[in-house]
């Protein structure tokens, strides 16, 4: 399946259940990383606009580049109140943006879907002199027993599961190549709080999750509900998580 179609029909789940990124990460971007109100940012693979919203709220102009129509339309509905928001039907490798037109390029929870060499070439084309890219993920803490048990459920029912956050621990080599091994890595605590419906919806919003028509769907949901019940306190499950950001130039 074309990667741009993997989330077709899932925009509603995604918008409801996907978490925000650590506020401390946004503070760092608009501090040490150099972003400013008024700067122009291409948020590539922008999905339903979760990360773009945080940038827009800081006064930046954001071109949200998203090839999936369902995701793009969800972002347009939720972000239309920002006059500095522009929705773009484009891909990471062909954004359609003008050459040397943006100060920063961001990709939140998305780089692992891109053709990295093609995306790198496109970044070099659209970035202004001295501009930088930021690759961001929300990532579960793998040493946590809860996360280990959650992964075991996914491994049992999801043939395409290769680790949370796109198997982030396996793609750092690709990140290094993308930045010619010259990048800054930052971690920010961002534990996630779920009630049971949101936990189930978050799990079902993953690209690897079984669909309702799949034979493993009922078992997947049932074991996730049991996992929630074992770890929840007063109806809330706390998932150990961090926001990880990689910053580099070209």
Protein backbone atom coordinates (compact mmCIF):
# COMPACT_ATOMS: atom_id res chain seq x y z
CA UNK A 1 0.00 0.00 0.00
CA UNK A 2 1.12 3.53 -0.79
CA UNK A 3 2.25 5.15 2.48
CA UNK A 4 0.13 8.22 1.70
CA UNK A 5 -3.00 6.05 1.91
CA UNK A 6 -2.22 4.19 5.14
CA UNK A 7 -4.31 6.54 7.29
CA UNK A 8 -7.28 6.90 4.94
CA UNK A 9 -10.48 6.69 6.99
CA UNK A 10 -8.61 7.16 10.28
CA UNK A 11 -8.55 10.95 10.57
CA UNK A 12 -11.35 11.02 13.13
CA UNK A 13 -9.65 8.50 15.40
CA UNK A 14 -6.31 10.22 14.91
CA UNK A 15 -7.60 13.68 15.78
CA UNK A 16 -9.40 12.42 18.91
CA UNK A 17 -6.73 10.16 20.32
CA UNK A 18 -3.28 11.32 19.22
CA UNK A 19 -1.46 13.25 21.98
CA UNK A 20 0.07 16.69 21.94
CA UNK A 21 3.84 17.10 22.07
CA UNK A 22 5.68 18.19 25.20
CA UNK A 23 5.19 21.92 25.91
CA UNK A 24 8.87 22.05 26.87
CA UNK A 25 9.76 20.95 23.34
CA UNK A 26 7.81 23.85 21.86
CA UNK A 27 9.51 26.21 24.34
CA UNK A 28 12.90 24.92 23.19
CA UNK A 29 12.00 25.33 19.52
CA UNK A 30 11.12 28.99 20.15
CA UNK A 31 14.19 29.48 22.31
CA UNK A 32 17.43 27.65 21.64
CA UNK A 33 16.37 26.20 18.31
CA UNK A 34 15.69 29.63 16.82
CA UNK A 35 12.04 29.60 15.79
CA UNK A 36 10.24 32.93 16.13
CA UNK A 37 6.74 34.34 15.73
CA UNK A 38 6.43 35.25 12.07
CA UNK A 39 8.90 32.69 10.77
CA UNK A 40 7.73 30.48 7.91
CA UNK A 41 7.54 26.76 8.61
CA UNK A 42 6.74 23.82 6.35
CA UNK A 43 5.19 21.11 8.53
CA UNK A 44 5.58 18.05 6.33
CA UNK A 45 3.38 15.01 6.85
CA UNK A 46 1.23 17.28 8.99
CA UNK A 47 -1.68 14.85 9.39
CA UNK A 48 -4.59 16.33 11.31
CA UNK A 49 -2.48 19.32 12.35
CA UNK A 50 -1.55 18.43 15.93
CA UNK A 51 2.02 19.76 15.69
CA UNK A 52 1.10 22.55 13.28
CA UNK A 53 -1.38 23.92 15.82
CA UNK A 54 1.39 24.42 18.40
CA UNK A 55 3.46 26.35 15.84
CA UNK A 56 0.52 28.45 14.70
CA UNK A 57 -0.29 29.34 18.31
CA UNK A 58 3.19 30.88 18.54
CA UNK A 59 2.49 33.15 15.60
CA UNK A 60 4.46 31.33 12.93
CA UNK A 61 3.20 30.95 9.38
CA UNK A 62 2.70 27.24 8.73
CA UNK A 63 2.36 25.46 5.41
CA UNK A 64 0.87 22.10 6.42
CA UNK A 65 1.94 19.64 3.73
CA UNK A 66 -0.16 16.46 3.78
CA UNK A 67 -0.90 14.04 0.91
CA UNK A 68 -3.76 12.15 2.57
CA UNK A 69 -7.05 13.91 1.85
CA UNK A 70 -8.83 12.67 5.00
CA UNK A 71 -6.04 13.93 7.24
CA UNK A 72 -5.67 17.20 5.34
CA UNK A 73 -9.37 17.99 5.53
CA UNK A 74 -9.42 17.30 9.28
CA UNK A 75 -6.59 19.81 9.71
CA UNK A 76 -8.39 22.36 7.58
CA UNK A 77 -11.48 22.08 9.76
CA UNK A 78 -9.59 22.41 13.06
CA UNK A 79 -7.06 25.07 12.03
CA UNK A 80 -9.10 27.32 9.74
CA UNK A 81 -9.28 29.96 12.48
CA UNK A 82 -5.56 30.68 12.13
CA UNK A 83 -4.98 33.27 9.37
CA UNK A 84 -1.35 32.10 9.08
CA UNK A 85 -2.33 28.50 8.26
CA UNK A 86 -2.02 27.18 4.72
CA UNK A 87 -3.08 23.68 3.73
CA UNK A 88 -0.96 22.07 1.01
CA UNK A 89 -1.69 18.90 -0.95
CA UNK A 90 1.87 17.63 -1.35
CA UNK A 91 4.29 14.93 -0.30
CA UNK A 92 7.56 14.98 1.60
CA UNK A 93 9.43 14.47 -1.65
CA UNK A 94 7.33 16.97 -3.67
CA UNK A 95 5.88 19.60 -1.35
CA UNK A 96 4.94 21.98 -4.22
CA UNK A 97 6.35 24.87 -2.14
CA UNK A 98 8.51 27.54 -3.78
CA UNK A 99 12.29 27.25 -3.70
CA UNK A 100 14.00 28.83 -0.69
CA UNK A 101 10.67 29.86 0.81
CA UNK A 102 10.73 28.51 4.40
CA UNK A 103 12.81 29.16 7.50
CA UNK A 104 12.18 25.77 9.14
CA UNK A 105 10.93 22.36 8.12
CA UNK A 106 9.23 20.14 10.69
CA UNK A 107 8.09 16.53 10.53
CA UNK A 108 6.26 15.23 13.59
CA UNK A 109 5.63 11.49 13.85
CA UNK A 110 6.15 11.29 10.11
CA UNK A 111 9.78 11.00 8.93
CA UNK A 112 9.70 7.18 9.08
CA UNK A 113 7.09 7.22 6.30
CA UNK A 114 9.21 9.33 3.93
CA UNK A 115 11.71 8.43 1.25
CA UNK A 116 14.57 9.97 3.21
CA UNK A 117 16.87 10.88 0.26
CA UNK A 118 13.94 12.38 -1.64
CA UNK A 119 12.83 14.35 1.41
CA UNK A 120 16.37 15.60 2.00
CA UNK A 121 16.61 16.86 -1.59
CA UNK A 122 13.25 18.61 -1.22
CA UNK A 123 14.33 20.19 2.08
CA UNK A 124 17.42 21.60 0.42
CA UNK A 125 15.24 23.00 -2.36
CA UNK A 126 12.65 24.78 -0.20
CA UNK A 127 14.76 25.89 2.80
CA UNK A 128 16.21 29.38 3.04
CA UNK A 129 19.94 29.82 3.60
CA UNK A 130 20.74 28.84 7.18
CA UNK A 131 17.36 27.14 7.69
CA UNK A 132 16.96 23.98 9.72
CA UNK A 133 14.79 20.89 9.95
CA UNK A 134 13.30 19.38 13.09
CA UNK A 135 12.18 15.74 13.25
CA UNK A 136 9.91 15.04 16.23
CA UNK A 137 8.34 11.96 17.80
CA UNK A 138 6.25 11.12 20.81
CA UNK A 139 7.91 7.90 21.98
CA UNK A 140 7.00 5.48 24.74
CA UNK A 141 9.67 4.63 27.32
CA UNK A 142 10.69 1.14 26.29
CA UNK A 143 12.00 0.09 29.72
CA UNK A 144 8.53 0.45 31.26
CA UNK A 145 6.70 -2.80 32.06
CA UNK A 146 3.48 -1.24 30.81
CA UNK A 147 5.10 -0.38 27.48
CA UNK A 148 6.58 -3.88 27.20
CA UNK A 149 3.17 -5.47 27.78
CA UNK A 150 1.56 -3.06 25.33
CA UNK A 151 4.17 -4.02 22.72
CA UNK A 152 3.51 -7.72 23.33
CA UNK A 153 -0.19 -7.22 22.55
CA UNK A 154 0.72 -5.40 19.34
CA UNK A 155 3.18 -8.11 18.33
CA UNK A 156 0.47 -10.74 18.84
CA UNK A 157 -2.23 -9.06 16.76
CA UNK A 158 -0.47 -6.67 14.39
CA UNK A 159 1.70 -8.27 11.68
CA UNK A 160 3.07 -4.89 10.59
CA UNK A 161 4.11 -3.79 14.09
CA UNK A 162 7.86 -3.10 14.28
CA UNK A 163 7.99 -1.00 17.44
CA UNK A 164 6.25 2.12 18.65
CA UNK A 165 6.83 5.44 16.85
CA UNK A 166 7.77 3.65 13.66
CA UNK A 167 10.48 1.67 15.44
CA UNK A 168 12.36 4.85 16.31
CA UNK A 169 15.28 2.96 17.82
CA UNK A 170 15.83 1.35 14.41
CA UNK A 171 15.75 4.51 12.29
CA UNK A 172 18.28 6.68 14.08
CA UNK A 173 20.84 5.63 11.47
CA UNK A 174 18.56 7.09 8.79
CA UNK A 175 18.20 10.27 10.85
CA UNK A 176 21.98 10.50 11.08
CA UNK A 177 22.34 10.15 7.32
CA UNK A 178 19.61 12.73 6.76
CA UNK A 179 21.53 15.28 8.82
CA UNK A 180 25.00 14.14 7.64
CA UNK A 181 25.53 13.11 11.30
CA UNK A 182 25.42 16.75 12.42
CA UNK A 183 22.35 17.19 14.57
CA UNK A 184 21.20 18.02 18.08
CA UNK A 185 18.97 15.56 19.94
CA UNK A 186 16.67 16.66 22.75
CA UNK A 187 14.37 14.66 25.04
CA UNK A 188 11.38 16.07 26.92
CA UNK A 189 9.24 14.20 29.45
CA UNK A 190 5.70 13.88 28.12
CA UNK A 191 3.83 11.12 29.98
CA UNK A 192 0.43 10.46 28.43
CA UNK A 193 -2.81 10.17 30.40
CA UNK A 194 -5.63 8.03 28.99
CA UNK A 195 -9.09 7.04 30.05
CA UNK A 196 -10.13 3.69 28.60
CA UNK A 197 -11.88 4.92 25.41
CA UNK A 198 -8.98 7.23 24.54
CA UNK A 199 -6.43 4.47 25.17
CA UNK A 200 -8.29 2.11 22.86
CA UNK A 201 -8.77 4.79 20.21
CA UNK A 202 -5.08 5.75 20.38
CA UNK A 203 -4.12 2.13 19.82
CA UNK A 204 -6.56 1.74 16.92
CA UNK A 205 -5.22 4.92 15.27
CA UNK A 206 -1.85 3.24 14.64
CA UNK A 207 -1.10 2.31 11.04
CA UNK A 208 -0.42 -1.29 12.07
CA UNK A 209 -3.64 -1.76 14.10
CA UNK A 210 -6.20 -4.30 12.87
CA UNK A 211 -9.35 -2.96 11.26
CA UNK A 212 -12.86 -3.90 12.43
CA UNK A 213 -13.13 -6.38 9.58
CA UNK A 214 -9.89 -8.19 10.56
CA UNK A 215 -10.08 -11.45 12.49
CA UNK A 216 -7.76 -10.20 15.22
CA UNK A 217 -9.65 -6.99 15.94
CA UNK A 218 -11.79 -8.23 18.83
CA UNK A 219 -8.87 -9.96 20.52
CA UNK A 220 -6.68 -6.88 20.14
CA UNK A 221 -9.26 -4.61 21.75
CA UNK A 222 -10.02 -7.12 24.50
CA UNK A 223 -6.38 -7.50 25.53
CA UNK A 224 -5.87 -3.75 25.46
CA UNK A 225 -8.86 -3.33 27.76
CA UNK A 226 -7.37 -5.90 30.14
CA UNK A 227 -4.03 -4.11 30.02
CA UNK A 228 -5.74 -0.83 30.85
CA UNK A 229 -7.56 -2.40 33.80
CA UNK A 230 -4.30 -3.79 35.24
CA UNK A 231 -2.46 -0.46 35.15
CA UNK A 232 -5.10 2.26 35.47
CA UNK A 233 -5.46 4.18 38.72
CA UNK A 234 -8.86 5.75 39.35
CA UNK A 235 -9.77 5.21 35.73
CA UNK A 236 -6.64 6.83 34.27
CA UNK A 237 -3.67 5.05 32.70
CA UNK A 238 -0.33 6.87 32.70
CA UNK A 239 1.83 5.84 29.75
CA UNK A 240 5.55 6.62 30.24
CA UNK A 241 6.42 8.73 27.22
CA UNK A 242 8.79 11.40 25.97
CA UNK A 243 8.94 13.83 23.08
CA UNK A 244 12.20 13.41 21.16
CA UNK A 245 13.41 16.09 18.73
CA UNK A 246 16.28 16.04 16.24
CA UNK A 247 17.47 19.40 14.92
CA UNK A 248 19.91 19.89 12.07
CA UNK A 249 20.72 21.99 9.04
CA UNK A 250 21.74 21.42 5.44
